Amino acid sequence: MKRHTLIIVPAVLLIGAAVMLRPGRSSSGGTERASVAASSVGERMDYFASHGWEVEEIAGKDITIPEVFSAAYEEYAAMQDKQGLPLREYAGRNARLYVYEVKNYSPENRKMLAELLVCDDTAVASMVYSDDGGSLRMAVV
């Protein structure tokens, strides 16, 4: 199993680097904002599938996006900026957080979760992370 991990981890890093260098990124380092429809279960699942993630929804809850971001939330917002998702534009708004179990990626046999934050039927934030408190976190794209 470790041999597979040694192959998979560099491949994931290489794919991540390719995503970061892809055309369409603005000169400021972020990507152009794109509206991602997320009003239905199908649209939310398609969002993850379009990035190669197989997920199964396990929870959903209503939250309020903070008006002023803490240091931790600022890190989260910076990740969203890099993905081209408009989290900052929705500060102070009510949203719904969907949590998914990732079915096709388990580094070192860790259970991985994915989240999608939806406001006004639009995906405004997303992330994949380990269920051990997020010791491993990465952008969806």
N, C-alpha and C. Protein backbone atom coordinates (compact mmCIF):
# COMPACT_ATOMS: atom_id res chain seq x y z
N MET A 1 0.82 -1.19 0.00
CA MET A 1 0.00 0.00 0.00
C MET A 1 0.87 1.26 0.00
N LYS A 2 1.99 1.24 0.71
CA LYS A 2 2.86 2.41 0.76
C LYS A 2 3.42 2.73 -0.62
N ARG A 3 3.68 1.69 -1.43
CA ARG A 3 4.21 1.91 -2.76
C ARG A 3 3.20 2.69 -3.61
N HIS A 4 1.90 2.35 -3.46
CA HIS A 4 0.86 3.08 -4.19
C HIS A 4 0.80 4.52 -3.72
N THR A 5 0.93 4.74 -2.42
CA THR A 5 0.91 6.09 -1.87
C THR A 5 2.06 6.90 -2.43
N LEU A 6 3.23 6.29 -2.55
CA LEU A 6 4.39 6.99 -3.08
C LEU A 6 4.18 7.41 -4.53
N ILE A 7 3.34 6.71 -5.24
CA ILE A 7 3.03 7.06 -6.63
C ILE A 7 1.90 8.08 -6.67
N ILE A 8 0.87 7.88 -5.85
CA ILE A 8 -0.32 8.73 -5.89
C ILE A 8 -0.03 10.14 -5.39
N VAL A 9 0.66 10.27 -4.28
CA VAL A 9 0.90 11.60 -3.70
C VAL A 9 1.63 12.51 -4.68
N PRO A 10 2.76 12.08 -5.31
CA PRO A 10 3.39 12.97 -6.29
C PRO A 10 2.48 13.28 -7.47
N ALA A 11 1.67 12.31 -7.88
CA ALA A 11 0.75 12.55 -8.99
C ALA A 11 -0.26 13.63 -8.62
N VAL A 12 -0.79 13.57 -7.41
CA VAL A 12 -1.75 14.58 -6.95
C VAL A 12 -1.09 15.94 -6.91
N LEU A 13 0.15 16.00 -6.41
CA LEU A 13 0.87 17.27 -6.36
C LEU A 13 1.11 17.82 -7.76
N LEU A 14 1.46 16.95 -8.70
CA LEU A 14 1.69 17.37 -10.08
C LEU A 14 0.41 17.91 -10.70
N ILE A 15 -0.70 17.23 -10.46
CA ILE A 15 -1.98 17.69 -10.98
C ILE A 15 -2.34 19.04 -10.36
N GLY A 16 -2.09 19.17 -9.06
CA GLY A 16 -2.36 20.44 -8.38
C GLY A 16 -1.55 21.57 -8.98
N ALA A 17 -0.27 21.31 -9.27
CA ALA A 17 0.58 22.33 -9.89
C ALA A 17 0.06 22.70 -11.27
N ALA A 18 -0.38 21.72 -12.03
CA ALA A 18 -0.92 21.98 -13.37
C ALA A 18 -2.17 22.84 -13.27
N VAL A 19 -3.01 22.58 -12.29
CA VAL A 19 -4.22 23.38 -12.09
C VAL A 19 -3.84 24.82 -11.77
N MET A 20 -2.85 24.99 -10.90
CA MET A 20 -2.44 26.33 -10.50
C MET A 20 -1.84 27.11 -11.67
N LEU A 21 -1.28 26.44 -12.66
CA LEU A 21 -0.63 27.10 -13.79
C LEU A 21 -1.51 27.17 -15.03
N ARG A 22 -2.75 26.73 -14.92
CA ARG A 22 -3.61 26.65 -16.10
C ARG A 22 -4.00 28.05 -16.60
N PRO A 23 -4.32 28.15 -17.89
CA PRO A 23 -4.76 29.43 -18.46
C PRO A 23 -6.04 29.89 -17.77
N GLY A 24 -6.27 31.20 -17.78
CA GLY A 24 -7.48 31.75 -17.19
C GLY A 24 -7.24 32.32 -15.81
N ARG A 25 -6.03 32.14 -15.28
CA ARG A 25 -5.71 32.71 -13.99
C ARG A 25 -5.40 34.18 -14.18
N SER A 26 -5.85 34.99 -13.26
CA SER A 26 -5.58 36.43 -13.38
C SER A 26 -4.15 36.71 -12.96
N SER A 27 -3.66 37.88 -13.33
CA SER A 27 -2.28 38.23 -13.00
C SER A 27 -2.08 38.41 -11.51
N SER A 28 -3.16 38.58 -10.74
CA SER A 28 -3.04 38.74 -9.30
C SER A 28 -2.88 37.40 -8.58
N GLY A 29 -2.90 36.29 -9.33
CA GLY A 29 -2.69 34.98 -8.72
C GLY A 29 -3.98 34.21 -8.52
N GLY A 30 -5.13 34.86 -8.60
CA GLY A 30 -6.39 34.16 -8.43
C GLY A 30 -6.92 33.75 -9.79
N THR A 31 -8.04 33.09 -9.78
CA THR A 31 -8.67 32.73 -11.05
C THR A 31 -9.85 33.65 -11.27
N GLU A 32 -10.30 33.70 -12.49
CA GLU A 32 -11.49 34.49 -12.77
C GLU A 32 -12.66 33.85 -12.04
N ARG A 33 -13.56 34.68 -11.54
CA ARG A 33 -14.73 34.17 -10.84
C ARG A 33 -15.69 33.54 -11.83
N ALA A 34 -16.15 32.37 -11.49
CA ALA A 34 -17.14 31.70 -12.32
C ALA A 34 -18.31 31.32 -11.43
N SER A 35 -19.50 31.49 -11.93
CA SER A 35 -20.68 31.11 -11.17
C SER A 35 -20.86 29.60 -11.29
N VAL A 36 -20.95 28.94 -10.16
CA VAL A 36 -21.13 27.49 -10.13
C VAL A 36 -22.51 27.20 -9.54
N ALA A 37 -23.42 26.75 -10.38
CA ALA A 37 -24.78 26.45 -9.94
C ALA A 37 -24.75 25.28 -8.96
N ALA A 38 -25.49 25.42 -7.85
CA ALA A 38 -25.49 24.37 -6.83
C ALA A 38 -26.84 24.27 -6.14
N SER A 39 -27.92 24.49 -6.88
CA SER A 39 -29.24 24.48 -6.25
C SER A 39 -29.79 23.07 -6.06
N SER A 40 -29.32 22.12 -6.87
CA SER A 40 -29.86 20.77 -6.77
C SER A 40 -28.78 19.78 -6.36
N VAL A 41 -29.22 18.62 -5.90
CA VAL A 41 -28.28 17.54 -5.54
C VAL A 41 -27.42 17.21 -6.76
N GLY A 42 -28.02 17.10 -7.92
CA GLY A 42 -27.30 16.77 -9.14
C GLY A 42 -26.22 17.79 -9.48
N GLU A 43 -26.53 19.07 -9.35
CA GLU A 43 -25.53 20.10 -9.64
C GLU A 43 -24.37 20.05 -8.66
N ARG A 44 -24.67 19.79 -7.40
CA ARG A 44 -23.60 19.71 -6.40
C ARG A 44 -22.72 18.49 -6.65
N MET A 45 -23.31 17.36 -6.95
CA MET A 45 -22.54 16.15 -7.24
C MET A 45 -21.73 16.34 -8.52
N ASP A 46 -22.32 16.98 -9.53
CA ASP A 46 -21.62 17.23 -10.79
C ASP A 46 -20.40 18.14 -10.57
N TYR A 47 -20.51 19.09 -9.65
CA TYR A 47 -19.38 19.96 -9.35
C TYR A 47 -18.16 19.13 -8.93
N PHE A 48 -18.37 18.23 -7.97
CA PHE A 48 -17.26 17.40 -7.52
C PHE A 48 -16.80 16.44 -8.62
N ALA A 49 -17.74 15.83 -9.32
CA ALA A 49 -17.39 14.88 -10.38
C ALA A 49 -16.56 15.56 -11.47
N SER A 50 -16.85 16.82 -11.77
CA SER A 50 -16.12 17.53 -12.81
C SER A 50 -14.65 17.72 -12.44
N HIS A 51 -14.33 17.56 -11.18
CA HIS A 51 -12.94 17.67 -10.70
C HIS A 51 -12.36 16.32 -10.31
N GLY A 52 -13.10 15.24 -10.63
CA GLY A 52 -12.58 13.91 -10.40
C GLY A 52 -12.88 13.30 -9.04
N TRP A 53 -13.73 13.95 -8.26
CA TRP A 53 -14.05 13.44 -6.92
C TRP A 53 -15.36 12.67 -6.95
N GLU A 54 -15.36 11.46 -6.41
CA GLU A 54 -16.59 10.69 -6.22
C GLU A 54 -16.99 10.90 -4.77
N VAL A 55 -18.18 11.46 -4.56
CA VAL A 55 -18.62 11.80 -3.21
C VAL A 55 -20.02 11.29 -2.93
N GLU A 56 -20.30 11.18 -1.64
CA GLU A 56 -21.63 10.81 -1.16
C GLU A 56 -21.99 11.78 -0.04
N GLU A 57 -23.15 12.44 -0.18
CA GLU A 57 -23.55 13.43 0.82
C GLU A 57 -23.84 12.75 2.15
N ILE A 58 -23.29 13.32 3.24
CA ILE A 58 -23.52 12.75 4.57
C ILE A 58 -24.15 13.74 5.54
N ALA A 59 -24.10 15.03 5.24
CA ALA A 59 -24.68 16.01 6.17
C ALA A 59 -24.89 17.34 5.46
N GLY A 60 -25.71 18.15 6.06
CA GLY A 60 -25.94 19.51 5.60
C GLY A 60 -26.43 20.34 6.77
N LYS A 61 -25.97 21.57 6.84
CA LYS A 61 -26.45 22.44 7.93
C LYS A 61 -26.41 23.89 7.48
N ASP A 62 -27.29 24.68 8.07
CA ASP A 62 -27.34 26.10 7.79
C ASP A 62 -26.29 26.82 8.63
N ILE A 63 -25.60 27.77 8.00
CA ILE A 63 -24.59 28.56 8.71
C ILE A 63 -24.70 30.01 8.25
N THR A 64 -24.01 30.88 8.95
CA THR A 64 -23.85 32.26 8.52
C THR A 64 -22.38 32.50 8.24
N ILE A 65 -22.07 32.97 7.05
CA ILE A 65 -20.69 33.30 6.70
C ILE A 65 -20.33 34.54 7.51
N PRO A 66 -19.21 34.52 8.23
CA PRO A 66 -18.86 35.70 9.05
C PRO A 66 -18.69 36.96 8.21
N GLU A 67 -19.04 38.10 8.81
CA GLU A 67 -18.81 39.38 8.14
C GLU A 67 -17.33 39.74 8.18
N VAL A 68 -16.70 39.44 9.31
CA VAL A 68 -15.27 39.68 9.49
C VAL A 68 -14.62 38.32 9.68
N PHE A 69 -13.63 38.01 8.84
CA PHE A 69 -13.00 36.70 8.87
C PHE A 69 -11.91 36.63 9.93
N SER A 70 -11.92 35.55 10.72
CA SER A 70 -10.83 35.25 11.65
C SER A 70 -9.62 34.84 10.81
N ALA A 71 -8.47 34.64 11.46
CA ALA A 71 -7.27 34.20 10.73
C ALA A 71 -7.52 32.87 10.03
N ALA A 72 -8.17 31.92 10.71
CA ALA A 72 -8.45 30.61 10.12
C ALA A 72 -9.41 30.75 8.93
N TYR A 73 -10.43 31.58 9.08
CA TYR A 73 -11.39 31.76 7.99
C TYR A 73 -10.74 32.49 6.83
N GLU A 74 -9.78 33.37 7.12
CA GLU A 74 -9.05 34.08 6.07
C GLU A 74 -8.25 33.08 5.22
N GLU A 75 -7.66 32.07 5.85
CA GLU A 75 -6.94 31.03 5.11
C GLU A 75 -7.91 30.29 4.19
N TYR A 76 -9.09 29.99 4.72
CA TYR A 76 -10.13 29.31 3.95
C TYR A 76 -10.54 30.20 2.77
N ALA A 77 -10.72 31.50 3.02
CA ALA A 77 -11.11 32.43 1.96
C ALA A 77 -10.03 32.54 0.89
N ALA A 78 -8.77 32.51 1.30
CA ALA A 78 -7.66 32.57 0.33
C ALA A 78 -7.70 31.35 -0.59
N MET A 79 -8.02 30.18 -0.04
CA MET A 79 -8.15 28.98 -0.86
C MET A 79 -9.27 29.16 -1.88
N GLN A 80 -10.36 29.77 -1.46
CA GLN A 80 -11.49 29.98 -2.36
C GLN A 80 -11.12 30.97 -3.46
N ASP A 81 -10.35 32.00 -3.11
CA ASP A 81 -9.88 32.96 -4.12
C ASP A 81 -9.11 32.22 -5.21
N LYS A 82 -8.23 31.31 -4.81
CA LYS A 82 -7.41 30.56 -5.77
C LYS A 82 -8.26 29.65 -6.65
N GLN A 83 -9.38 29.18 -6.11
CA GLN A 83 -10.28 28.31 -6.89
C GLN A 83 -11.25 29.11 -7.75
N GLY A 84 -11.29 30.41 -7.55
CA GLY A 84 -12.23 31.24 -8.30
C GLY A 84 -13.62 31.25 -7.72
N LEU A 85 -13.76 30.84 -6.45
CA LEU A 85 -15.08 30.84 -5.81
C LEU A 85 -15.27 32.13 -5.00
N PRO A 86 -16.48 32.68 -5.01
CA PRO A 86 -16.73 34.03 -4.50
C PRO A 86 -17.07 34.14 -3.01
N LEU A 87 -16.42 33.40 -2.14
CA LEU A 87 -16.76 33.43 -0.71
C LEU A 87 -16.81 34.85 -0.15
N ARG A 88 -15.80 35.65 -0.42
CA ARG A 88 -15.73 37.00 0.16
C ARG A 88 -16.94 37.85 -0.19
N GLU A 89 -17.50 37.64 -1.37
CA GLU A 89 -18.66 38.41 -1.82
C GLU A 89 -19.92 38.09 -0.99
N TYR A 90 -19.89 36.99 -0.25
CA TYR A 90 -21.06 36.55 0.51
C TYR A 90 -20.88 36.71 2.02
N ALA A 91 -19.89 37.47 2.44
CA ALA A 91 -19.65 37.70 3.87
C ALA A 91 -20.92 38.25 4.53
N GLY A 92 -21.25 37.67 5.69
CA GLY A 92 -22.42 38.09 6.45
C GLY A 92 -23.73 37.47 6.01
N ARG A 93 -23.72 36.63 5.00
CA ARG A 93 -24.93 36.04 4.45
C ARG A 93 -25.18 34.65 5.02
N ASN A 94 -26.44 34.23 5.01
CA ASN A 94 -26.80 32.86 5.39
C ASN A 94 -26.49 31.93 4.23
N ALA A 95 -26.04 30.72 4.56
CA ALA A 95 -25.66 29.75 3.54
C ALA A 95 -25.96 28.35 4.06
N ARG A 96 -25.77 27.38 3.21
CA ARG A 96 -25.93 25.97 3.59
C ARG A 96 -24.62 25.26 3.30
N LEU A 97 -24.12 24.55 4.30
CA LEU A 97 -22.88 23.80 4.18
C LEU A 97 -23.22 22.33 3.99
N TYR A 98 -22.79 21.77 2.85
CA TYR A 98 -22.98 20.35 2.56
C TYR A 98 -21.66 19.63 2.79
N VAL A 99 -21.72 18.48 3.46
CA VAL A 99 -20.52 17.68 3.73
C VAL A 99 -20.70 16.32 3.05
N TYR A 100 -19.62 15.86 2.42
CA TYR A 100 -19.63 14.63 1.65
C TYR A 100 -18.47 13.74 2.09
N GLU A 101 -18.66 12.44 1.96
CA GLU A 101 -17.55 11.52 2.13
C GLU A 101 -16.96 11.28 0.74
N VAL A 102 -15.64 11.40 0.66
CA VAL A 102 -14.94 11.16 -0.60
C VAL A 102 -14.74 9.66 -0.74
N LYS A 103 -15.17 9.11 -1.86
CA LYS A 103 -15.13 7.67 -2.07
C LYS A 103 -13.92 7.18 -2.85
N ASN A 104 -13.24 8.07 -3.58
CA ASN A 104 -12.17 7.62 -4.47
C ASN A 104 -10.78 8.15 -4.11
N TYR A 105 -10.58 8.59 -2.87
CA TYR A 105 -9.27 9.08 -2.47
C TYR A 105 -9.13 8.88 -0.96
N SER A 106 -8.09 8.17 -0.56
CA SER A 106 -7.87 7.86 0.85
C SER A 106 -6.38 7.72 1.13
N PRO A 107 -5.65 8.85 1.17
CA PRO A 107 -4.21 8.76 1.41
C PRO A 107 -3.93 8.17 2.79
N GLU A 108 -3.02 7.22 2.83
CA GLU A 108 -2.64 6.57 4.10
C GLU A 108 -3.86 6.06 4.86
N ASN A 109 -4.86 5.61 4.10
CA ASN A 109 -6.11 5.07 4.66
C ASN A 109 -6.87 6.07 5.53
N ARG A 110 -6.70 7.35 5.25
CA ARG A 110 -7.46 8.38 5.97
C ARG A 110 -8.82 8.55 5.31
N LYS A 111 -9.84 8.71 6.12
CA LYS A 111 -11.16 9.04 5.60
C LYS A 111 -11.13 10.51 5.19
N MET A 112 -11.56 10.78 3.97
CA MET A 112 -11.55 12.15 3.46
C MET A 112 -12.99 12.65 3.30
N LEU A 113 -13.16 13.92 3.61
CA LEU A 113 -14.44 14.59 3.48
C LEU A 113 -14.31 15.73 2.49
N ALA A 114 -15.42 16.12 1.91
CA ALA A 114 -15.46 17.28 1.02
C ALA A 114 -16.60 18.15 1.50
N GLU A 115 -16.43 19.45 1.33
CA GLU A 115 -17.53 20.35 1.70
C GLU A 115 -17.79 21.32 0.57
N LEU A 116 -19.04 21.73 0.51
CA LEU A 116 -19.47 22.72 -0.47
C LEU A 116 -20.37 23.70 0.26
N LEU A 117 -20.00 24.96 0.21
CA LEU A 117 -20.79 26.01 0.85
C LEU A 117 -21.60 26.69 -0.24
N VAL A 118 -22.92 26.72 -0.06
CA VAL A 118 -23.84 27.22 -1.08
C VAL A 118 -24.64 28.39 -0.53
N CYS A 119 -24.66 29.47 -1.29
CA CYS A 119 -25.45 30.65 -0.93
C CYS A 119 -26.19 31.11 -2.18
N ASP A 120 -27.47 31.35 -2.05
CA ASP A 120 -28.29 31.77 -3.20
C ASP A 120 -28.13 30.82 -4.39
N ASP A 121 -28.14 29.52 -4.12
CA ASP A 121 -28.04 28.48 -5.14
C ASP A 121 -26.72 28.50 -5.92
N THR A 122 -25.69 29.14 -5.35
CA THR A 122 -24.38 29.24 -5.98
C THR A 122 -23.32 28.68 -5.04
N ALA A 123 -22.40 27.87 -5.56
CA ALA A 123 -21.28 27.38 -4.75
C ALA A 123 -20.34 28.56 -4.49
N VAL A 124 -20.09 28.86 -3.21
CA VAL A 124 -19.22 29.99 -2.88
C VAL A 124 -17.91 29.53 -2.23
N ALA A 125 -17.82 28.24 -1.83
CA ALA A 125 -16.59 27.72 -1.23
C ALA A 125 -16.61 26.20 -1.28
N SER A 126 -15.42 25.61 -1.38
CA SER A 126 -15.32 24.15 -1.34
C SER A 126 -13.93 23.75 -0.88
N MET A 127 -13.84 22.54 -0.35
CA MET A 127 -12.57 22.04 0.15
C MET A 127 -12.68 20.53 0.36
N VAL A 128 -11.55 19.83 0.27
CA VAL A 128 -11.44 18.42 0.62
C VAL A 128 -10.46 18.34 1.78
N TYR A 129 -10.79 17.52 2.79
CA TYR A 129 -9.94 17.46 3.99
C TYR A 129 -10.09 16.11 4.68
N SER A 130 -9.10 15.78 5.50
CA SER A 130 -9.16 14.53 6.27
C SER A 130 -10.09 14.72 7.45
N ASP A 131 -10.77 13.65 7.84
CA ASP A 131 -11.76 13.76 8.93
C ASP A 131 -11.11 13.77 10.31
N ASP A 132 -9.80 13.80 10.39
CA ASP A 132 -9.09 13.82 11.68
C ASP A 132 -8.91 15.25 12.19
N GLY A 133 -9.73 16.15 11.72
CA GLY A 133 -9.59 17.54 12.13
C GLY A 133 -8.96 18.39 11.03
N GLY A 134 -8.77 17.79 9.89
CA GLY A 134 -8.27 18.55 8.75
C GLY A 134 -6.76 18.65 8.66
N SER A 135 -6.05 17.62 9.15
CA SER A 135 -4.58 17.66 9.05
C SER A 135 -4.14 17.69 7.60
N LEU A 136 -4.97 17.19 6.70
CA LEU A 136 -4.71 17.24 5.26
C LEU A 136 -5.86 18.01 4.64
N ARG A 137 -5.56 19.18 4.05
CA ARG A 137 -6.58 20.01 3.41
C ARG A 137 -6.13 20.38 2.02
N MET A 138 -7.08 20.40 1.08
CA MET A 138 -6.74 20.77 -0.28
C MET A 138 -7.95 21.36 -0.99
N ALA A 139 -7.65 22.12 -2.02
CA ALA A 139 -8.70 22.68 -2.86
C ALA A 139 -9.36 21.56 -3.65
N VAL A 140 -10.57 21.77 -4.08
CA VAL A 140 -11.30 20.79 -4.87
C VAL A 140 -10.69 20.69 -6.27
N VAL A 141 -10.30 21.82 -6.84
CA VAL A 141 -9.75 21.83 -8.20
C VAL A 141 -8.26 21.59 -8.18
